N, C-alpha and C. Protein backbone atom coordinates (compact mmCIF):
# COMPACT_ATOMS: atom_id res chain seq x y z
N ALA A 1 47.77 58.47 156.05
CA ALA A 1 47.33 57.70 155.16
C ALA A 1 48.28 56.78 154.81
N ALA A 2 48.11 55.36 155.14
CA ALA A 2 48.87 54.37 154.82
C ALA A 2 48.79 54.20 153.29
N LEU A 3 49.85 53.62 152.87
CA LEU A 3 49.86 53.09 151.44
C LEU A 3 49.07 51.81 151.13
N THR A 4 48.36 51.84 150.20
CA THR A 4 47.66 50.66 149.80
C THR A 4 48.26 49.64 148.94
N ALA A 5 47.83 48.57 148.79
CA ALA A 5 48.59 47.70 147.84
C ALA A 5 48.39 48.32 146.13
N PRO A 6 49.28 47.99 145.45
CA PRO A 6 49.42 48.43 144.21
C PRO A 6 48.15 47.80 143.52
N LEU A 7 47.87 48.36 142.35
CA LEU A 7 46.81 48.00 141.54
C LEU A 7 47.18 47.00 140.40
N VAL A 8 48.51 47.04 140.09
CA VAL A 8 49.05 46.18 139.31
C VAL A 8 50.17 45.25 139.97
N THR A 9 50.20 44.22 139.91
CA THR A 9 51.14 43.24 140.33
C THR A 9 52.52 43.38 139.72
N LEU A 10 53.45 44.19 140.61
CA LEU A 10 54.84 44.35 140.05
C LEU A 10 55.65 43.96 141.07
N GLY A 11 57.15 44.08 140.71
CA GLY A 11 58.01 43.71 141.81
C GLY A 11 57.94 44.60 142.96
N GLU A 12 58.84 44.25 144.09
CA GLU A 12 58.86 45.15 145.32
C GLU A 12 59.19 46.66 145.01
N GLY A 13 60.14 46.67 144.14
CA GLY A 13 60.49 48.09 143.96
C GLY A 13 59.85 49.02 143.32
N ALA A 14 58.71 48.37 142.60
CA ALA A 14 57.71 49.56 141.72
C ALA A 14 56.47 49.70 143.09
N TRP A 15 56.40 49.20 143.97
CA TRP A 15 55.32 49.31 144.82
C TRP A 15 55.18 50.58 145.48
N PRO A 16 56.12 51.28 146.00
CA PRO A 16 56.08 52.63 146.44
C PRO A 16 55.66 53.80 145.20
N VAL A 17 55.93 53.58 143.96
CA VAL A 17 55.46 54.40 142.80
C VAL A 17 54.22 54.17 142.76
N THR A 18 53.52 52.89 142.48
CA THR A 18 52.18 52.80 142.15
C THR A 18 51.49 52.93 143.40
N GLY A 19 51.96 52.86 144.67
CA GLY A 19 51.11 53.14 145.93
C GLY A 19 51.14 54.56 145.97
N GLY A 20 51.92 55.40 145.85
CA GLY A 20 51.71 56.85 145.53
C GLY A 20 50.81 57.35 144.69
N TRP A 21 50.78 56.61 143.57
CA TRP A 21 49.85 57.16 142.45
C TRP A 21 48.47 56.90 143.08
N SER A 22 48.15 55.77 143.58
CA SER A 22 46.87 55.45 143.88
C SER A 22 46.29 56.32 145.11
N LEU A 23 47.33 56.79 146.07
CA LEU A 23 47.14 57.65 147.20
C LEU A 23 46.88 59.04 146.62
N LEU A 24 47.35 59.51 145.42
CA LEU A 24 46.73 60.58 144.66
C LEU A 24 45.41 60.51 144.24
N GLY A 25 45.02 59.17 143.59
CA GLY A 25 43.84 59.17 143.24
C GLY A 25 42.72 59.16 144.32
N THR A 26 43.03 58.81 145.55
CA THR A 26 42.02 58.80 146.60
C THR A 26 42.12 60.06 147.50
N ALA A 27 43.11 60.99 147.28
CA ALA A 27 43.42 62.16 148.06
C ALA A 27 42.22 63.21 147.84
N ASP A 28 41.97 64.12 148.77
CA ASP A 28 40.84 65.10 148.47
C ASP A 28 41.28 65.97 147.35
N ALA A 29 40.48 66.93 146.71
CA ALA A 29 40.81 68.03 145.76
C ALA A 29 41.30 69.07 146.31
N GLY A 30 40.87 69.26 147.73
CA GLY A 30 41.39 70.39 148.37
C GLY A 30 42.94 70.36 148.97
N VAL A 31 43.41 69.29 148.74
CA VAL A 31 44.91 69.04 149.22
C VAL A 31 45.64 69.61 148.12
N GLY A 32 45.22 69.80 147.12
CA GLY A 32 46.21 70.37 145.90
C GLY A 32 46.90 69.50 145.03
N HIS A 33 46.63 68.19 145.27
CA HIS A 33 47.64 66.91 144.58
C HIS A 33 47.03 66.90 143.28
N LEU A 34 45.57 66.85 142.97
CA LEU A 34 44.92 67.00 141.76
C LEU A 34 44.73 67.93 141.07
N SER A 35 44.91 68.33 139.76
CA SER A 35 44.37 69.43 139.23
C SER A 35 42.71 69.41 139.00
N ALA A 36 42.22 70.54 138.76
CA ALA A 36 40.70 70.53 138.50
C ALA A 36 40.34 69.65 137.52
N GLY A 37 41.16 69.52 136.55
CA GLY A 37 40.49 68.76 135.35
C GLY A 37 40.74 67.42 135.29
N ALA A 38 41.64 66.83 136.28
CA ALA A 38 42.05 65.46 136.18
C ALA A 38 40.84 64.53 136.91
N SER A 39 40.69 63.32 136.16
CA SER A 39 39.75 62.52 136.67
C SER A 39 40.33 61.25 137.20
N LEU A 40 39.63 60.36 138.00
CA LEU A 40 40.11 59.25 138.53
C LEU A 40 40.56 58.09 137.49
N PRO A 41 39.65 57.97 136.43
CA PRO A 41 39.96 57.20 135.28
C PRO A 41 41.25 57.82 134.54
N CYS A 42 41.73 58.72 134.72
CA CYS A 42 42.62 59.26 133.82
C CYS A 42 43.88 58.99 134.65
N LEU A 43 43.86 59.00 135.94
CA LEU A 43 44.88 58.58 136.77
C LEU A 43 45.06 57.12 136.55
N GLN A 44 44.11 56.36 136.83
CA GLN A 44 44.29 55.07 136.52
C GLN A 44 44.95 54.65 135.09
N ASP A 45 44.66 55.34 134.16
CA ASP A 45 45.26 55.10 132.95
C ASP A 45 46.81 55.38 132.99
N GLU A 46 47.04 56.48 133.60
CA GLU A 46 48.47 56.76 133.75
C GLU A 46 49.27 55.80 134.71
N ILE A 47 48.56 55.40 135.93
CA ILE A 47 49.29 54.35 136.56
C ILE A 47 49.41 52.92 135.73
N GLN A 48 48.51 52.80 134.88
CA GLN A 48 48.47 51.47 134.09
C GLN A 48 49.60 51.59 133.11
N ALA A 49 49.76 52.80 132.68
CA ALA A 49 51.05 53.09 131.52
C ALA A 49 52.34 52.85 132.08
N ILE A 50 52.40 53.54 133.47
CA ILE A 50 53.82 53.54 134.12
C ILE A 50 54.03 52.02 134.55
N ALA A 51 53.05 51.26 134.95
CA ALA A 51 53.21 50.00 135.30
C ALA A 51 53.66 48.97 133.99
N SER A 52 53.07 49.19 133.02
CA SER A 52 53.47 48.60 131.65
C SER A 52 54.65 48.91 131.22
N MET A 53 55.40 50.13 131.53
CA MET A 53 56.63 50.47 131.16
C MET A 53 57.59 49.91 131.73
N MET A 54 57.15 49.85 133.30
CA MET A 54 58.26 49.18 134.10
C MET A 54 58.34 47.79 133.93
N GLU A 55 57.15 47.10 133.49
CA GLU A 55 57.18 45.56 133.27
C GLU A 55 58.30 45.30 132.06
N LYS A 56 57.81 46.24 130.96
CA LYS A 56 58.83 45.92 129.74
C LYS A 56 60.30 46.19 130.10
N GLN A 57 60.63 47.10 130.91
CA GLN A 57 61.93 47.39 131.34
C GLN A 57 62.50 46.19 132.07
N ALA A 58 61.68 45.60 132.79
CA ALA A 58 62.12 44.42 133.66
C ALA A 58 62.33 43.19 132.74
N LYS A 59 61.58 43.18 131.57
CA LYS A 59 61.73 41.95 130.58
C LYS A 59 62.94 42.20 129.76
N ILE A 60 63.42 43.20 129.77
CA ILE A 60 64.93 43.52 128.75
C ILE A 60 66.10 42.73 129.56
N VAL A 61 66.42 41.93 128.70
CA VAL A 61 67.55 41.03 129.06
C VAL A 61 68.78 41.25 128.24
N VAL A 62 69.82 41.49 128.75
CA VAL A 62 71.03 41.69 127.81
C VAL A 62 71.72 40.30 127.39
N LYS A 63 71.80 40.28 126.02
CA LYS A 63 72.36 39.01 125.65
C LYS A 63 73.91 38.87 125.76
N PRO A 64 74.35 37.83 126.38
CA PRO A 64 75.79 37.54 126.57
C PRO A 64 76.43 37.68 125.27
N LYS A 65 77.66 38.16 125.31
CA LYS A 65 78.42 38.37 124.06
C LYS A 65 79.03 36.97 123.74
N GLU A 66 78.91 36.67 122.48
CA GLU A 66 79.56 35.46 122.03
C GLU A 66 81.02 35.57 121.72
N VAL A 67 81.67 34.84 122.28
CA VAL A 67 83.39 34.85 122.19
C VAL A 67 83.67 33.74 121.42
N SER A 68 84.93 33.93 120.14
CA SER A 68 85.27 32.96 119.39
C SER A 68 86.26 32.23 120.03
N GLN A 69 86.52 31.19 119.51
CA GLN A 69 87.49 30.09 120.08
C GLN A 69 88.81 30.80 120.15
N GLU A 70 89.17 31.53 119.11
CA GLU A 70 90.51 32.25 119.03
C GLU A 70 90.60 33.24 119.92
N GLU A 71 89.66 34.14 120.37
CA GLU A 71 89.61 34.95 121.45
C GLU A 71 89.64 34.35 122.82
N LYS A 72 89.16 33.40 122.98
CA LYS A 72 89.33 32.43 124.14
C LYS A 72 90.41 32.05 124.48
N GLN A 73 91.34 31.67 123.42
CA GLN A 73 92.74 31.07 123.38
C GLN A 73 93.62 32.41 123.84
N ARG A 74 93.29 33.50 123.12
CA ARG A 74 94.36 34.50 123.40
C ARG A 74 94.20 35.16 124.80
N LYS A 75 92.89 35.03 125.26
CA LYS A 75 92.54 35.58 126.43
C LYS A 75 93.30 34.47 127.52
N ALA A 76 93.02 33.21 127.29
CA ALA A 76 93.71 32.28 128.30
C ALA A 76 95.19 32.46 128.29
N ALA A 77 95.86 32.73 127.07
CA ALA A 77 97.26 32.80 127.01
C ALA A 77 97.89 34.07 127.88
N LEU A 78 97.09 35.18 127.79
CA LEU A 78 97.24 36.51 128.46
C LEU A 78 97.27 35.98 129.78
N LEU A 79 96.03 35.47 130.44
CA LEU A 79 96.04 35.19 131.88
C LEU A 79 97.10 34.13 132.31
N ALA A 80 97.44 33.22 131.48
CA ALA A 80 98.45 32.14 131.80
C ALA A 80 99.88 33.03 132.01
N GLN A 81 100.16 33.89 131.10
CA GLN A 81 101.37 34.79 131.11
C GLN A 81 101.38 35.57 132.51
N TYR A 82 100.43 36.24 132.75
CA TYR A 82 100.39 37.26 134.00
C TYR A 82 99.98 36.27 135.45
N ALA A 83 99.62 35.25 135.06
CA ALA A 83 99.34 34.09 136.40
C ALA A 83 100.79 33.65 136.77
N ASN A 84 101.78 33.60 136.00
CA ASN A 84 103.10 33.10 136.22
C ASN A 84 103.85 34.26 136.60
N VAL A 85 103.66 35.18 137.14
CA VAL A 85 104.48 36.33 137.71
C VAL A 85 105.28 36.00 138.64
N THR A 86 106.68 36.17 138.64
CA THR A 86 107.38 35.74 139.87
C THR A 86 107.56 36.81 140.85
N ASP A 87 108.11 36.74 141.93
CA ASP A 87 108.62 37.65 142.96
C ASP A 87 109.41 38.58 142.20
N GLU A 88 110.44 38.26 141.41
CA GLU A 88 111.36 39.07 140.88
C GLU A 88 110.82 40.01 139.73
N GLU A 89 109.75 39.60 139.13
CA GLU A 89 109.22 40.54 138.07
C GLU A 89 108.24 41.56 138.88
N GLU A 90 107.46 40.99 139.92
CA GLU A 90 106.61 41.89 140.69
C GLU A 90 107.25 43.05 141.32
N TYR A 91 108.28 42.71 141.77
CA TYR A 91 109.23 43.40 142.61
C TYR A 91 110.62 43.52 142.18
N PRO A 92 110.72 44.51 141.25
CA PRO A 92 112.02 44.65 140.44
C PRO A 92 113.37 45.20 141.14
N PHE A 93 112.94 45.87 142.27
CA PHE A 93 114.14 46.53 142.80
C PHE A 93 114.51 45.60 144.02
N PRO A 94 115.94 45.47 144.26
CA PRO A 94 116.38 44.57 145.17
C PRO A 94 116.22 44.86 146.51
N ASP A 95 116.31 43.99 147.69
CA ASP A 95 116.08 44.30 148.88
C ASP A 95 117.48 45.18 149.52
N PRO A 96 117.13 45.82 150.46
CA PRO A 96 118.37 46.67 150.99
C PRO A 96 119.36 45.95 151.53
N ASP A 97 119.01 44.69 151.96
CA ASP A 97 120.06 43.66 152.65
C ASP A 97 121.11 43.35 151.44
N GLU A 98 120.47 43.25 150.25
CA GLU A 98 121.61 42.59 149.22
C GLU A 98 122.55 43.73 148.83
N GLN A 99 123.78 43.17 148.68
CA GLN A 99 125.07 44.12 148.50
C GLN A 99 125.45 44.28 147.11
N ASP A 100 124.97 43.54 146.10
CA ASP A 100 125.35 43.58 144.75
C ASP A 100 125.10 44.86 144.21
N GLY A 101 123.97 45.36 144.44
CA GLY A 101 123.25 46.71 144.05
C GLY A 101 122.96 46.64 142.59
N SER A 102 122.97 45.49 142.03
CA SER A 102 122.62 45.45 140.63
C SER A 102 121.06 45.14 140.63
N ILE A 103 120.63 46.26 139.89
CA ILE A 103 118.75 46.22 139.77
C ILE A 103 118.69 45.26 138.53
N ALA A 104 119.42 45.54 137.48
CA ALA A 104 119.07 44.80 136.33
C ALA A 104 118.86 43.28 136.38
N THR A 105 119.90 42.70 137.32
CA THR A 105 119.88 41.36 137.53
C THR A 105 118.71 40.84 138.22
N ALA A 106 117.99 41.64 138.88
CA ALA A 106 116.74 41.35 139.64
C ALA A 106 115.52 41.23 138.81
N VAL A 107 115.61 41.61 137.91
CA VAL A 107 114.67 41.68 136.73
C VAL A 107 114.53 40.81 135.76
N ASN A 108 113.57 39.82 135.61
CA ASN A 108 113.56 38.92 134.58
C ASN A 108 112.95 39.59 133.22
N ILE A 109 113.88 40.26 132.67
CA ILE A 109 113.58 41.08 131.31
C ILE A 109 113.34 40.35 130.04
N GLY A 110 114.29 39.25 129.97
CA GLY A 110 113.92 38.58 128.34
C GLY A 110 113.42 37.28 128.72
N SER A 111 112.27 37.24 129.44
CA SER A 111 111.68 35.88 129.65
C SER A 111 110.93 35.24 128.29
N GLU A 112 111.38 34.21 127.87
CA GLU A 112 111.03 33.42 126.69
C GLU A 112 109.62 32.94 126.69
N LYS A 113 108.94 32.70 127.86
CA LYS A 113 107.66 32.17 128.00
C LYS A 113 106.73 33.22 127.67
N SER A 114 106.96 34.55 127.87
CA SER A 114 105.95 35.48 127.74
C SER A 114 105.67 35.72 126.33
N LEU A 115 104.43 36.21 125.95
CA LEU A 115 104.11 36.62 124.57
C LEU A 115 104.69 37.96 124.20
N PHE A 116 104.41 38.66 125.10
CA PHE A 116 105.10 40.11 124.88
C PHE A 116 106.11 40.56 125.87
N ARG A 117 106.99 41.41 125.41
CA ARG A 117 108.04 41.71 126.20
C ARG A 117 107.79 43.11 126.87
N ASN A 118 108.01 42.94 128.02
CA ASN A 118 107.61 44.27 129.01
C ASN A 118 109.00 45.07 129.21
N THR A 119 108.87 46.14 128.48
CA THR A 119 110.02 47.02 128.59
C THR A 119 109.79 48.18 129.53
N ASN A 120 108.71 48.27 130.37
CA ASN A 120 108.59 49.53 131.20
C ASN A 120 109.85 49.45 132.29
N VAL A 121 110.42 48.34 132.87
CA VAL A 121 111.37 48.56 133.70
C VAL A 121 112.50 48.97 133.03
N GLU A 122 112.81 48.17 131.96
CA GLU A 122 114.22 48.52 131.12
C GLU A 122 113.98 50.25 130.90
N ASP A 123 113.09 50.69 130.29
CA ASP A 123 112.87 51.99 130.04
C ASP A 123 113.13 52.95 131.29
N VAL A 124 112.35 52.71 132.31
CA VAL A 124 112.68 53.27 133.51
C VAL A 124 114.10 53.59 133.93
N LEU A 125 114.74 52.28 133.97
CA LEU A 125 116.20 52.04 134.37
C LEU A 125 117.01 52.94 133.21
N ASN A 126 116.80 52.92 132.29
CA ASN A 126 117.52 53.80 131.06
C ASN A 126 117.42 55.26 131.40
N ALA A 127 116.14 55.60 131.49
CA ALA A 127 115.86 56.91 131.89
C ALA A 127 116.70 57.47 133.12
N ARG A 128 116.56 56.66 134.14
CA ARG A 128 117.23 57.05 135.37
C ARG A 128 118.77 57.10 135.08
N LYS A 129 119.39 56.12 134.38
CA LYS A 129 120.87 56.23 134.16
C LYS A 129 121.10 57.46 133.42
N LEU A 130 120.19 57.86 132.24
CA LEU A 130 120.40 59.01 131.57
C LEU A 130 120.42 60.23 132.25
N GLU A 131 119.44 60.30 133.28
CA GLU A 131 119.40 61.37 134.20
C GLU A 131 120.32 61.50 135.06
N ARG A 132 121.05 60.36 135.53
CA ARG A 132 122.29 60.46 136.28
C ARG A 132 123.58 61.18 135.48
N GLU A 133 123.44 60.60 134.24
CA GLU A 133 124.58 61.06 133.38
C GLU A 133 124.62 62.58 133.16
N LEU A 134 123.48 63.20 132.83
CA LEU A 134 123.20 64.61 132.57
C LEU A 134 123.60 65.24 133.89
N LEU A 135 123.15 65.03 134.96
CA LEU A 135 123.49 65.49 136.30
C LEU A 135 125.01 65.42 136.68
N ARG A 136 125.78 64.40 136.16
CA ARG A 136 126.90 64.39 136.47
C ARG A 136 127.81 65.35 135.40
N ASP A 137 127.20 65.42 134.24
CA ASP A 137 127.92 66.36 133.08
C ASP A 137 127.68 67.89 133.57
N GLU A 138 126.41 68.18 133.85
CA GLU A 138 126.16 69.51 134.66
C GLU A 138 127.11 69.84 135.77
N PHE A 139 127.32 68.84 136.61
CA PHE A 139 128.03 69.24 137.71
C PHE A 139 129.57 69.56 137.36
N GLN A 140 130.07 68.49 136.23
CA GLN A 140 131.45 68.68 135.95
C GLN A 140 131.59 70.07 135.44
N LYS A 141 130.49 70.45 134.53
CA LYS A 141 130.74 71.93 133.85
C LYS A 141 130.68 72.98 135.04
N LYS A 142 129.68 72.72 135.85
CA LYS A 142 129.74 73.94 136.77
C LYS A 142 130.91 73.84 137.80
N LYS A 143 131.73 72.72 137.94
CA LYS A 143 132.84 72.66 138.61
C LYS A 143 134.18 73.40 137.71
N GLU A 144 134.09 73.18 136.67
CA GLU A 144 135.10 73.89 135.78
C GLU A 144 134.80 75.49 135.61
N GLN A 145 133.36 75.70 135.59
CA GLN A 145 133.26 77.24 135.48
C GLN A 145 133.69 77.80 136.81
N ASP A 146 133.43 77.00 137.95
CA ASP A 146 133.68 77.81 139.46
C ASP A 146 135.26 77.86 139.49
N LYS A 147 135.96 76.77 138.94
CA LYS A 147 137.54 76.89 139.02
C LYS A 147 137.97 77.93 137.94
N LEU A 148 137.35 78.13 136.91
CA LEU A 148 137.97 79.38 136.09
C LEU A 148 137.68 80.74 136.69
N GLN A 149 136.43 80.75 137.40
CA GLN A 149 136.00 82.08 138.11
C GLN A 149 136.92 82.19 139.16
N ARG A 150 137.25 81.06 139.94
CA ARG A 150 138.29 81.33 141.00
C ARG A 150 139.65 81.82 140.81
N GLU A 151 139.87 81.32 139.39
CA GLU A 151 141.38 81.69 138.73
C GLU A 151 141.17 83.29 138.46
N LYS A 152 140.16 83.64 137.79
CA LYS A 152 140.31 85.13 137.39
C LYS A 152 140.09 86.14 138.58
N ASP A 153 139.22 85.70 139.59
CA ASP A 153 139.10 86.31 141.01
C ASP A 153 140.63 86.53 141.39
N LYS A 154 141.30 85.43 141.16
CA LYS A 154 142.69 85.60 141.87
C LYS A 154 143.67 86.48 141.04
N LEU A 155 143.41 86.28 139.76
CA LEU A 155 144.17 87.24 138.99
C LEU A 155 144.03 88.86 139.08
N ALA A 156 142.64 88.88 139.14
CA ALA A 156 142.03 90.35 139.55
C ALA A 156 142.75 90.75 140.81
N LYS A 157 142.72 89.92 141.80
CA LYS A 157 143.28 90.40 143.26
C LYS A 157 144.56 90.74 142.95
N GLN A 158 145.20 89.85 142.36
CA GLN A 158 146.70 90.05 142.13
C GLN A 158 146.94 91.34 141.29
N GLU A 159 146.31 91.60 140.39
CA GLU A 159 146.58 92.95 139.70
C GLU A 159 146.10 94.12 140.49
N ARG A 160 145.20 93.81 141.46
CA ARG A 160 144.90 95.23 142.34
C ARG A 160 145.79 95.40 143.11
N LYS A 161 146.53 94.33 143.81
CA LYS A 161 147.75 94.55 144.77
C LYS A 161 148.87 95.25 143.96
N GLU A 162 149.12 94.66 142.62
CA GLU A 162 150.18 95.35 141.94
C GLU A 162 149.93 96.85 141.68
N LYS A 163 148.68 97.00 141.30
CA LYS A 163 148.33 98.55 141.15
C LYS A 163 148.38 99.42 142.37
N GLU A 164 148.02 98.68 143.50
CA GLU A 164 148.14 99.52 144.78
C GLU A 164 149.77 99.67 145.05
N LYS A 165 150.52 98.75 144.98
CA LYS A 165 151.99 98.83 144.98
C LYS A 165 152.63 99.92 144.13
N LYS A 166 152.15 99.90 143.14
CA LYS A 166 152.77 100.86 142.14
C LYS A 166 152.30 102.23 142.42
N ARG A 167 151.30 102.48 142.83
CA ARG A 167 150.77 103.54 143.57
C ARG A 167 151.48 104.13 144.71
N THR A 168 151.55 103.36 145.40
CA THR A 168 152.65 103.54 146.80
C THR A 168 153.78 103.98 146.36
N GLN A 169 154.48 103.30 145.58
CA GLN A 169 155.77 103.31 145.12
C GLN A 169 155.81 104.78 144.48
N LYS A 170 155.02 105.20 143.74
CA LYS A 170 155.08 106.62 143.03
C LYS A 170 154.77 107.64 144.07
N GLY A 171 154.13 107.33 144.92
CA GLY A 171 153.74 108.51 146.24
C GLY A 171 155.18 108.46 146.90
N GLU A 172 155.95 107.55 147.09
CA GLU A 172 156.99 107.62 147.95
C GLU A 172 158.23 108.21 147.16
N ARG A 173 158.23 108.07 145.61
CA ARG A 173 159.24 108.50 144.80
C ARG A 173 159.02 110.27 144.82
N LYS A 174 157.86 110.76 144.96
CA LYS A 174 157.40 112.01 144.87
C LYS A 174 157.89 112.82 146.11
N ARG A 175 157.88 111.99 147.27
CA ARG A 175 158.14 112.64 148.36
C ARG A 175 159.68 113.00 148.61
């Protein structure tokens, strides 16, 4: 059975719902769609209630938020600040072709035009520098420990040789 036109005039999106309900009203009781106690006027009331709810929901309009003049100016200032991003600010790391190797010079950190100071790049650079220093200190400590261990090993080897020498000398004297 094809869907019939809806009983209530609604938008195109509501037609399959109301059409399905109208099909249920015309379906045979033997198909099992209708309960034994349901009647056609009851279904029509349900369809009408659903249609009215859908119309009410369609009428609900969200009111636009009113923005004060101060908020508009603040937003415009922020947009202007971030609209003037230079290539150096956008890409703080130098090209591999550059030979000076100075990352901090490629970053425009102290821009007087900006309202807020972006310290992210500065923080990252400081963290990397600190990490390099810590690694350098750890390497230096390890190097010193290795040197001390080599000296201890050398002394122990020398002592073993001397003991062996004394033992062989004692053995020769006894003969």
